C-alpha atoms as a PDB file:
ATOM      1  CA  MET A   1       0.030   0.212   0.101  1.00  0.00           C
ATOM      2  CA  ASP A   2       1.319   3.396  -0.956  1.00  0.00           C
ATOM      3  CA  ILE A   3       1.565   5.915   1.960  1.00  0.00           C
ATOM      4  CA  ASP A   4       1.311   9.621   1.427  1.00  0.00           C
ATOM      5  CA  VAL A   5       4.033  11.265   3.381  1.00  0.00           C
ATOM      6  CA  ARG A   6       3.897  14.849   4.301  1.00  0.00           C
ATOM      7  CA  ILE A   7       6.474  17.009   5.944  1.00  0.00           C
ATOM      8  CA  PRO A   8       4.605  20.433   6.745  1.00  0.00           C
ATOM      9  CA  ASP A   9       7.013  23.477   7.289  1.00  0.00           C
ATOM     10  CA  SER A  10       4.649  25.468   9.554  1.00  0.00           C
ATOM     11  CA  SER A  11       1.787  24.803  12.000  1.00  0.00           C
ATOM     12  CA  ARG A  12      -0.573  26.110   9.314  1.00  0.00           C
ATOM     13  CA  ALA A  13       0.603  23.599   6.777  1.00  0.00           C
ATOM     14  CA  ALA A  14       0.350  20.867   9.466  1.00  0.00           C
ATOM     15  CA  ALA A  15      -3.147  21.847   9.854  1.00  0.00           C
ATOM     16  CA  ALA A  16      -4.063  21.846   6.244  1.00  0.00           C
ATOM     17  CA  ASP A  17      -2.263  18.416   5.683  1.00  0.00           C
ATOM     18  CA  PHE A  18      -4.041  16.860   8.786  1.00  0.00           C
ATOM     19  CA  GLY A  19      -7.481  17.874   7.451  1.00  0.00           C
ATOM     20  CA  ASP A  20      -9.984  16.288   9.534  1.00  0.00           C
ATOM     21  CA  GLY A  21      -7.496  13.324  10.606  1.00  0.00           C
ATOM     22  CA  SER A  22      -9.143  10.575   8.637  1.00  0.00           C
ATOM     23  CA  GLY A  23      -6.414   7.836   7.848  1.00  0.00           C
ATOM     24  CA  VAL A  24      -3.734  10.148   9.129  1.00  0.00           C
ATOM     25  CA  SER A  25      -0.979   8.932  11.430  1.00  0.00           C
ATOM     26  CA  VAL A  26       1.025  11.857  13.261  1.00  0.00           C
ATOM     27  CA  MET A  27       4.821  11.241  13.755  1.00  0.00           C
ATOM     28  CA  ALA A  28       7.044  13.606  15.697  1.00  0.00           C
ATOM     29  CA  GLY A  29       9.594  11.715  17.803  1.00  0.00           C
ATOM     30  CA  GLY A  30       8.316   8.290  16.782  1.00  0.00           C
ATOM     31  CA  THR A  31       9.105   6.547  20.065  1.00  0.00           C
ATOM     32  CA  ILE A  32       5.496   5.282  19.857  1.00  0.00           C
ATOM     33  CA  MET A  33       4.467   5.413  16.353  1.00  0.00           C
ATOM     34  CA  MET A  34       7.352   3.597  14.941  1.00  0.00           C
ATOM     35  CA  ASN A  35       6.428   0.649  17.205  1.00  0.00           C
ATOM     36  CA  LEU A  36       2.895   0.580  15.802  1.00  0.00           C
ATOM     37  CA  LEU A  37       3.936   1.130  12.133  1.00  0.00           C
ATOM     38  CA  ASN A  38       6.448  -1.664  12.361  1.00  0.00           C
ATOM     39  CA  SER A  39       3.994  -3.916  14.043  1.00  0.00           C
ATOM     40  CA  TYR A  40       1.254  -3.250  11.597  1.00  0.00           C
ATOM     41  CA  ARG A  41      -1.005  -2.128  14.291  1.00  0.00           C
ATOM     42  CA  ALA A  42      -1.285   1.394  12.578  1.00  0.00           C
ATOM     43  CA  GLN A  43      -1.851   1.078   8.692  1.00  0.00           C
ATOM     44  CA  PRO A  44      -2.315   4.775   7.852  1.00  0.00           C
ATOM     45  CA  SER A  45      -2.969   6.150   4.318  1.00  0.00           C
ATOM     46  CA  LYS A  46      -1.230   9.526   5.162  1.00  0.00           C
ATOM     47  CA  VAL A  47       1.662   9.997   7.506  1.00  0.00           C
ATOM     48  CA  LEU A  48       2.249  13.576   8.893  1.00  0.00           C
ATOM     49  CA  LEU A  49       5.946  14.177   9.937  1.00  0.00           C
ATOM     50  CA  LEU A  50       6.085  17.298  12.259  1.00  0.00           C
ATOM     51  CA  HIS A  51       9.943  17.720  12.703  1.00  0.00           C
ATOM     52  CA  LYS A  52       9.968  20.929  10.670  1.00  0.00           C
ATOM     53  CA  ALA A  53       6.544  22.246  11.496  1.00  0.00           C
ATOM     54  CA  GLY A  54       7.913  24.814  13.896  1.00  0.00           C
ATOM     55  CA  LEU A  55       5.908  23.379  17.064  1.00  0.00           C
ATOM     56  CA  SER A  56       8.923  23.114  19.361  1.00  0.00           C
ATOM     57  CA  TYR A  57       9.277  25.584  22.061  1.00  0.00           C
ATOM     58  CA  VAL A  58       8.801  26.455  25.706  1.00  0.00           C
ATOM     59  CA  ASN A  59       7.535  30.144  26.153  1.00  0.00           C
ATOM     60  CA  GLN A  60       6.491  31.877  29.360  1.00  0.00           C
ATOM     61  CA  ASP A  61       4.680  35.246  29.707  1.00  0.00           C
ATOM     62  CA  GLY A  62       4.156  36.142  33.089  1.00  0.00           C
ATOM     63  CA  SER A  63       2.694  33.226  34.721  1.00  0.00           C
ATOM     64  CA  THR A  64       1.569  31.519  31.545  1.00  0.00           C
ATOM     65  CA  VAL A  65       3.581  28.569  30.085  1.00  0.00           C
ATOM     66  CA  THR A  66       2.911  27.583  26.508  1.00  0.00           C
ATOM     67  CA  ILE A  67       4.570  24.344  25.085  1.00  0.00           C
ATOM     68  CA  GLY A  68       4.685  23.335  21.478  1.00  0.00           C
ATOM     69  CA  ALA A  69       3.434  19.679  20.555  1.00  0.00           C
ATOM     70  CA  THR A  70       6.858  18.570  19.193  1.00  0.00           C
ATOM     71  CA  THR A  71       8.944  19.974  22.221  1.00  0.00           C
ATOM     72  CA  PRO A  72      11.127  17.066  23.463  1.00  0.00           C
ATOM     73  CA  LEU A  73      10.384  15.684  26.899  1.00  0.00           C
ATOM     74  CA  ALA A  74      13.793  16.573  27.952  1.00  0.00           C
ATOM     75  CA  ASP A  75      13.083  20.214  27.685  1.00  0.00           C
ATOM     76  CA  LEU A  76      10.366  20.031  30.409  1.00  0.00           C
ATOM     77  CA  ALA A  77      12.684  18.422  33.072  1.00  0.00           C
ATOM     78  CA  GLY A  78      13.665  21.780  34.717  1.00  0.00           C
ATOM     79  CA  LEU A  79       9.986  23.079  34.946  1.00  0.00           C
ATOM     80  CA  PRO A  80       8.507  23.260  38.410  1.00  0.00           C
ATOM     81  CA  ALA A  81       6.554  20.300  39.885  1.00  0.00           C
ATOM     82  CA  PRO A  82       4.320  18.599  38.864  1.00  0.00           C
ATOM     83  CA  LEU A  83       5.338  18.872  35.212  1.00  0.00           C
ATOM     84  CA  GLY A  84       9.157  18.754  35.479  1.00  0.00           C
ATOM     85  CA  PRO A  85       9.418  15.757  37.939  1.00  0.00           C
ATOM     86  CA  CYS A  86       6.858  14.110  35.803  1.00  0.00           C
ATOM     87  CA  ALA A  87       8.615  14.636  32.692  1.00  0.00           C
ATOM     88  CA  ALA A  88      11.991  13.642  34.019  1.00  0.00           C
ATOM     89  CA  ASN A  89      10.399  10.174  35.295  1.00  0.00           C
ATOM     90  CA  ILE A  90       9.633   9.025  31.644  1.00  0.00           C
ATOM     91  CA  GLY A  91      11.743   6.363  30.114  1.00  0.00           C
ATOM     92  CA  ASP A  92      15.592   7.268  29.913  1.00  0.00           C
ATOM     93  CA  PRO A  93      17.554   9.965  28.433  1.00  0.00           C
ATOM     94  CA  ALA A  94      17.216   8.838  24.976  1.00  0.00           C
ATOM     95  CA  ILE A  95      13.263   8.403  25.020  1.00  0.00           C
ATOM     96  CA  ARG A  96      13.327  11.997  26.909  1.00  0.00           C
ATOM     97  CA  GLY A  97      15.450  13.514  24.251  1.00  0.00           C
ATOM     98  CA  GLN A  98      13.286  11.874  21.214  1.00  0.00           C
ATOM     99  CA  GLY A  99       9.730  11.720  22.523  1.00  0.00           C
ATOM    100  CA  THR A 100       7.693  14.634  22.350  1.00  0.00           C
ATOM    101  CA  VAL A 101       4.968  16.554  24.467  1.00  0.00           C
ATOM    102  CA  GLY A 102       2.146  16.055  21.793  1.00  0.00           C
ATOM    103  CA  GLY A 103       3.116  12.345  21.307  1.00  0.00           C
ATOM    104  CA  ASN A 104       2.943  11.594  25.122  1.00  0.00           C
ATOM    105  CA  LEU A 105      -0.220  13.451  25.724  1.00  0.00           C
ATOM    106  CA  CYS A 106      -2.145  11.949  22.838  1.00  0.00           C
ATOM    107  CA  ALA A 107      -0.811   8.437  23.736  1.00  0.00           C
ATOM    108  CA  ILE A 108      -3.704   6.198  24.907  1.00  0.00           C
ATOM    109  CA  ALA A 109      -3.118   3.215  27.351  1.00  0.00           C
ATOM    110  CA  SER A 110      -3.421  -0.333  26.084  1.00  0.00           C
ATOM    111  CA  GLU A 111      -3.880  -3.588  27.773  1.00  0.00           C
ATOM    112  CA  GLU A 112      -0.013  -3.918  27.572  1.00  0.00           C
ATOM    113  CA  PHE A 113       1.135  -0.964  29.396  1.00  0.00           C
ATOM    114  CA  PRO A 114      -0.029   2.390  30.681  1.00  0.00           C
ATOM    115  CA  VAL A 115       1.422   5.464  28.598  1.00  0.00           C
ATOM    116  CA  GLY A 116       0.585   9.175  28.661  1.00  0.00           C
ATOM    117  CA  ASP A 117       2.408  10.138  31.846  1.00  0.00           C
ATOM    118  CA  LEU A 118       2.053  13.964  31.133  1.00  0.00           C
ATOM    119  CA  GLN A 119      -1.683  13.645  31.143  1.00  0.00           C
ATOM    120  CA  GLY A 120      -1.829  13.551  34.924  1.00  0.00           C
ATOM    121  CA  ALA A 121       0.623  16.597  35.486  1.00  0.00           C
ATOM    122  CA  LEU A 122      -0.981  18.803  32.978  1.00  0.00           C
ATOM    123  CA  LEU A 123      -4.577  17.899  34.157  1.00  0.00           C
ATOM    124  CA  ALA A 124      -3.530  18.939  37.726  1.00  0.00           C
ATOM    125  CA  LEU A 125      -2.209  22.003  36.168  1.00  0.00           C
ATOM    126  CA  GLY A 126      -5.630  22.889  34.512  1.00  0.00           C
ATOM    127  CA  ALA A 127      -4.001  22.888  31.068  1.00  0.00           C
ATOM    128  CA  THR A 128      -5.889  23.873  27.939  1.00  0.00           C
ATOM    129  CA  VAL A 129      -5.036  22.493  24.604  1.00  0.00           C
ATOM    130  CA  ARG A 130      -5.117  24.286  21.131  1.00  0.00           C
ATOM    131  CA  SER A 131      -5.887  21.712  18.374  1.00  0.00           C
ATOM    132  CA  THR A 132      -7.086  21.451  14.927  1.00  0.00           C
ATOM    133  CA  GLY A 133      -9.139  18.775  13.050  1.00  0.00           C
ATOM    134  CA  GLU A 134     -12.635  18.473  12.071  1.00  0.00           C
ATOM    135  CA  GLY A 135     -14.478  21.723  12.566  1.00  0.00           C
ATOM    136  CA  GLY A 136     -11.179  23.690  12.262  1.00  0.00           C
ATOM    137  CA  GLU A 137      -8.968  25.216  15.113  1.00  0.00           C
ATOM    138  CA  ARG A 138     -10.317  25.147  18.706  1.00  0.00           C
ATOM    139  CA  THR A 139      -9.027  25.609  22.517  1.00  0.00           C
ATOM    140  CA  GLU A 140     -10.331  23.613  25.324  1.00  0.00           C
ATOM    141  CA  GLY A 141      -9.381  21.965  28.513  1.00  0.00           C
ATOM    142  CA  LEU A 142      -7.212  18.926  28.421  1.00  0.00           C
ATOM    143  CA  ALA A 143      -9.737  16.625  29.776  1.00  0.00           C
ATOM    144  CA  GLU A 144     -12.166  17.644  26.836  1.00  0.00           C
ATOM    145  CA  PHE A 145      -9.208  17.089  24.404  1.00  0.00           C
ATOM    146  CA  LEU A 146      -8.725  13.664  25.881  1.00  0.00           C
ATOM    147  CA  SER A 147     -12.191  12.693  25.142  1.00  0.00           C
ATOM    148  CA  SER A 148     -11.932  13.209  21.453  1.00  0.00           C
ATOM    149  CA  GLY A 149      -9.785   9.862  21.563  1.00  0.00           C
ATOM    150  CA  GLY A 150      -6.844  11.313  19.582  1.00  0.00           C
ATOM    151  CA  SER A 151      -8.975  12.249  16.554  1.00  0.00           C
ATOM    152  CA  ARG A 152      -7.434  16.067  16.475  1.00  0.00           C
ATOM    153  CA  LEU A 153      -3.889  17.383  16.053  1.00  0.00           C
ATOM    154  CA  LEU A 154      -2.400  18.846  19.229  1.00  0.00           C
ATOM    155  CA  LEU A 155      -0.556  22.109  18.551  1.00  0.00           C
ATOM    156  CA  GLU A 156       0.255  23.345  21.879  1.00  0.00           C
ATOM    157  CA  VAL A 157      -0.626  23.227  25.534  1.00  0.00           C
ATOM    158  CA  SER A 158      -0.942  26.310  28.093  1.00  0.00           C
ATOM    159  CA  PHE A 159      -1.153  26.384  31.847  1.00  0.00           C
ATOM    160  CA  GLN A 160      -0.648  28.875  34.663  1.00  0.00           C
ATOM    161  CA  LEU A 161       2.322  28.242  36.945  1.00  0.00           C
ATOM    162  CA  PRO A 162       1.025  26.892  40.243  1.00  0.00           C
ATOM    163  CA  ALA A 163       1.867  28.235  43.781  1.00  0.00           C
ATOM    164  CA  ALA A 164       3.051  24.819  44.646  1.00  0.00           C
ATOM    165  CA  GLY A 165       3.317  21.167  42.835  1.00  0.00           C
ATOM    166  CA  ALA A 166       4.054  17.735  43.743  1.00  0.00           C
ATOM    167  CA  PHE A 167       4.511  14.366  41.723  1.00  0.00           C
ATOM    168  CA  GLU A 168       4.939  11.026  43.107  1.00  0.00           C
ATOM    169  CA  ALA A 169       5.039   7.783  41.136  1.00  0.00           C
ATOM    170  CA  LEU A 170       5.638   4.049  41.745  1.00  0.00           C
ATOM    171  CA  ARG A 171       9.099   3.513  40.711  1.00  0.00           C
ATOM    172  CA  ARG A 172      10.792   0.631  38.809  1.00  0.00           C
ATOM    173  CA  PRO A 173      14.474  -0.274  39.171  1.00  0.00           C
ATOM    174  CA  HIS A 174      14.931  -0.245  35.330  1.00  0.00           C
ATOM    175  CA  THR A 175      15.345   3.115  33.676  1.00  0.00           C
ATOM    176  CA  LYS A 176      13.373   1.991  30.475  1.00  0.00           C
ATOM    177  CA  HIS A 177      10.258   1.391  32.733  1.00  0.00           C
ATOM    178  CA  PHE A 178       6.614   2.500  32.073  1.00  0.00           C
ATOM    179  CA  THR A 179       5.135   4.159  35.054  1.00  0.00           C
ATOM    180  CA  PRO A 180       2.491   1.636  36.620  1.00  0.00           C
ATOM    181  CA  LEU A 181       0.808   4.516  38.555  1.00  0.00           C
ATOM    182  CA  ALA A 182       1.566   8.214  39.339  1.00  0.00           C
ATOM    183  CA  VAL A 183      -0.254  11.056  41.136  1.00  0.00           C
ATOM    184  CA  SER A 184       0.285  14.726  40.435  1.00  0.00           C
ATOM    185  CA  GLY A 185      -0.946  17.630  42.584  1.00  0.00           C
ATOM    186  CA  ALA A 186      -0.972  21.419  41.973  1.00  0.00           C
ATOM    187  CA  LEU A 187      -2.223  24.291  44.316  1.00  0.00           C
ATOM    188  CA  ALA A 188      -3.350  27.170  42.250  1.00  0.00           C
ATOM    189  CA  SER A 189      -2.957  30.767  43.235  1.00  0.00           C
ATOM    190  CA  ASP A 190      -6.557  31.049  44.365  1.00  0.00           C
ATOM    191  CA  GLY A 191      -6.134  28.097  46.817  1.00  0.00           C
ATOM    192  CA  GLU A 192      -7.674  25.510  44.755  1.00  0.00           C
ATOM    193  CA  VAL A 193      -6.185  21.969  44.959  1.00  0.00           C
ATOM    194  CA  ARG A 194      -6.069  19.669  41.834  1.00  0.00           C
ATOM    195  CA  LEU A 195      -4.926  16.182  41.713  1.00  0.00           C
ATOM    196  CA  ALA A 196      -4.859  13.749  38.724  1.00  0.00           C
ATOM    197  CA  ALA A 197      -3.606  10.201  38.234  1.00  0.00           C
ATOM    198  CA  THR A 198      -2.067   8.211  35.331  1.00  0.00           C
ATOM    199  CA  GLY A 199      -2.114   4.403  35.302  1.00  0.00           C
ATOM    200  CA  ALA A 200      -5.478   4.381  36.686  1.00  0.00           C
ATOM    201  CA  ALA A 201      -7.498   4.565  33.448  1.00  0.00           C
ATOM    202  CA  SER A 202      -7.015   4.626  29.649  1.00  0.00           C
ATOM    203  CA  THR A 203      -6.345   8.201  30.105  1.00  0.00           C
ATOM    204  CA  GLY A 204      -5.150  10.569  33.076  1.00  0.00           C
ATOM    205  CA  VAL A 205      -8.019  11.118  35.361  1.00  0.00           C
ATOM    206  CA  ARG A 206      -8.915  13.884  37.815  1.00  0.00           C
ATOM    207  CA  LEU A 207      -9.286  12.723  41.491  1.00  0.00           C
ATOM    208  CA  SER A 208     -12.255  15.026  42.276  1.00  0.00           C
ATOM    209  CA  SER A 209     -13.068  13.018  45.545  1.00  0.00           C
ATOM    210  CA  ALA A 210      -9.851  13.262  46.758  1.00  0.00           C
ATOM    211  CA  GLU A 211      -9.673  16.986  46.070  1.00  0.00           C
ATOM    212  CA  ALA A 212     -12.826  17.483  48.034  1.00  0.00           C
ATOM    213  CA  ALA A 213     -11.057  15.942  51.179  1.00  0.00           C
ATOM    214  CA  ALA A 214      -7.676  17.705  50.297  1.00  0.00           C
ATOM    215  CA  ASN A 215      -7.520  19.121  54.032  1.00  0.00           C
ATOM    216  CA  ASP A 216      -7.055  15.572  55.378  1.00  0.00           C
ATOM    217  CA  PRO A 217      -4.216  13.919  53.257  1.00  0.00           C
ATOM    218  CA  SER A 218      -5.174  10.410  54.660  1.00  0.00           C
ATOM    219  CA  GLU A 219      -8.873  10.594  53.907  1.00  0.00           C
ATOM    220  CA  ALA A 220      -8.189  12.106  50.587  1.00  0.00           C
ATOM    221  CA  GLY A 221      -5.980   9.089  49.709  1.00  0.00           C
ATOM    222  CA  GLN A 222      -8.984   6.689  50.579  1.00  0.00           C
ATOM    223  CA  ALA A 223     -11.397   9.027  48.714  1.00  0.00           C
ATOM    224  CA  ALA A 224      -9.320   8.841  45.495  1.00  0.00           C
ATOM    225  CA  LEU A 225     -10.203   5.218  45.002  1.00  0.00           C
ATOM    226  CA  GLU A 226     -13.621   6.584  44.381  1.00  0.00           C
ATOM    227  CA  ASP A 227     -12.460   8.377  41.085  1.00  0.00           C
ATOM    228  CA  VAL A 228     -10.959   5.417  39.502  1.00  0.00           C
ATOM    229  CA  THR A 229     -11.552   2.231  37.865  1.00  0.00           C
ATOM    230  CA  LEU A 230      -8.551   0.122  38.308  1.00  0.00           C
ATOM    231  CA  ALA A 231      -7.482  -2.794  36.142  1.00  0.00           C
ATOM    232  CA  ASP A 232      -4.659  -5.427  35.579  1.00  0.00           C
ATOM    233  CA  ASP A 233      -1.941  -4.995  33.076  1.00  0.00           C
ATOM    234  CA  ALA A 234       1.566  -6.049  32.464  1.00  0.00           C
ATOM    235  CA  LEU A 235       2.890  -3.887  34.890  1.00  0.00           C
ATOM    236  CA  ALA A 236       0.643  -4.091  38.178  1.00  0.00           C
ATOM    237  CA  SER A 237      -2.384  -5.520  39.152  1.00  0.00           C
ATOM    238  CA  ALA A 238      -5.762  -3.667  40.358  1.00  0.00           C
ATOM    239  CA  TRP A 239      -5.340  -4.963  43.721  1.00  0.00           C
ATOM    240  CA  TYR A 240      -1.711  -3.335  43.919  1.00  0.00           C
ATOM    241  CA  ARG A 241      -2.728  -0.205  42.608  1.00  0.00           C
ATOM    242  CA  GLY A 242      -5.673   0.179  44.739  1.00  0.00           C
ATOM    243  CA  ARG A 243      -3.279  -0.452  47.822  1.00  0.00           C
ATOM    244  CA  THR A 244      -0.671   2.188  46.735  1.00  0.00           C
ATOM    245  CA  LEU A 245      -2.747   5.018  45.231  1.00  0.00           C
ATOM    246  CA  PRO A 246      -3.919   6.279  48.634  1.00  0.00           C
ATOM    247  CA  THR A 247      -0.348   6.509  49.685  1.00  0.00           C
ATOM    248  CA  LEU A 248       0.727   8.606  46.597  1.00  0.00           C
ATOM    249  CA  VAL A 249      -2.224  10.904  47.034  1.00  0.00           C
ATOM    250  CA  GLU A 250      -1.195  11.590  50.829  1.00  0.00           C
ATOM    251  CA  ARG A 251       2.429  12.179  49.885  1.00  0.00           C
ATOM    252  CA  VAL A 252       1.482  14.530  47.279  1.00  0.00           C
ATOM    253  CA  LEU A 253      -0.877  16.555  49.530  1.00  0.00           C
ATOM    254  CA  THR A 254       1.677  16.669  52.277  1.00  0.00           C
ATOM    255  CA  GLN A 255       4.096  18.043  50.075  1.00  0.00           C
ATOM    256  CA  LEU A 256       1.820  20.621  48.725  1.00  0.00           C
ATOM    257  CA  LYS A 257       0.893  21.664  52.275  1.00  0.00           C
ATOM    258  CA  GLU A 258       4.680  21.771  53.113  1.00  0.00           C
ATOM    259  CA  GLN A 259       5.119  24.364  50.259  1.00  0.00           C
ATOM    260  CA  ALA A 260       1.881  26.534  50.911  1.00  0.00           C
END
C-alpha cells in the first residue's frame, strides 16, 4: 500500500495536511508511532511528519507557560512540579530526548502498559490545549481534548504556573520502565487543589473526590479510590494499584501543604 508522507513546514501547513484526521498517523519523535507502524498495528494512508512544523518551544509570559506539541520531553525536566519531575520520570535520557509532548499527551493506554504520563501532570495544572481537526482550530481543557480519542492534531498546551506542585509515582529499578501509577498535584494561586492520576484509566483522570477531602491527606487518599476504575495489566494488578494509590495521594498533598 502506498502511503502519502507529508512534511509540513509550519503549523498552518500541518493543519491543512491533517484535515479532519481521517486515515492520518502523526509522527514527531516516533518513540510510540514507529513501534505501531513496524508491527502493522497502525496502517495509515497518510503519515504526517512534524519535525519541521515549528512546534517545538517552551514560552513563558508572566505566569502562563505555553509548550509546542513537538517539544522534546527533555526540555520540560527543569520546569516546576508536577510537570518537571513527571517529565524527568519518563523512560530514559534517549526516550526523553526523542519523545515529544504531543506524542505523550495523545498516547492512549493499552492492555499492555499505561502511557501518557504527562496527562496527569497537565490535568492537575488545569492545562488547556489548542488543536485542529474536524471543525477547524479550537482551544479547550485537556480533559475535553482527551475525550476526543486522539482524533485531533495537538498544536500546543498552556497552563498557569502553580503556587505549589508535587509528583509521586511507583518506581521501577530499570530506567526504561513504564510508570504503573502516578499522582500529580497542584495548588493554584487562588488556593484550589487539583489532583490527577495516570495508570488508573486509559487516560489521565482528575481525582475530584480526593480534591474535596484535600485538607486531610489520609482521608483524601482513601477517597481517591472512588475516582478510578483500576485494572490489571503487565506492570501491576488492580489490587496493587488500589493499595498504593492512597499513599501516593497522601504524599502529594503533604508536599503541597509543606510548600504552601
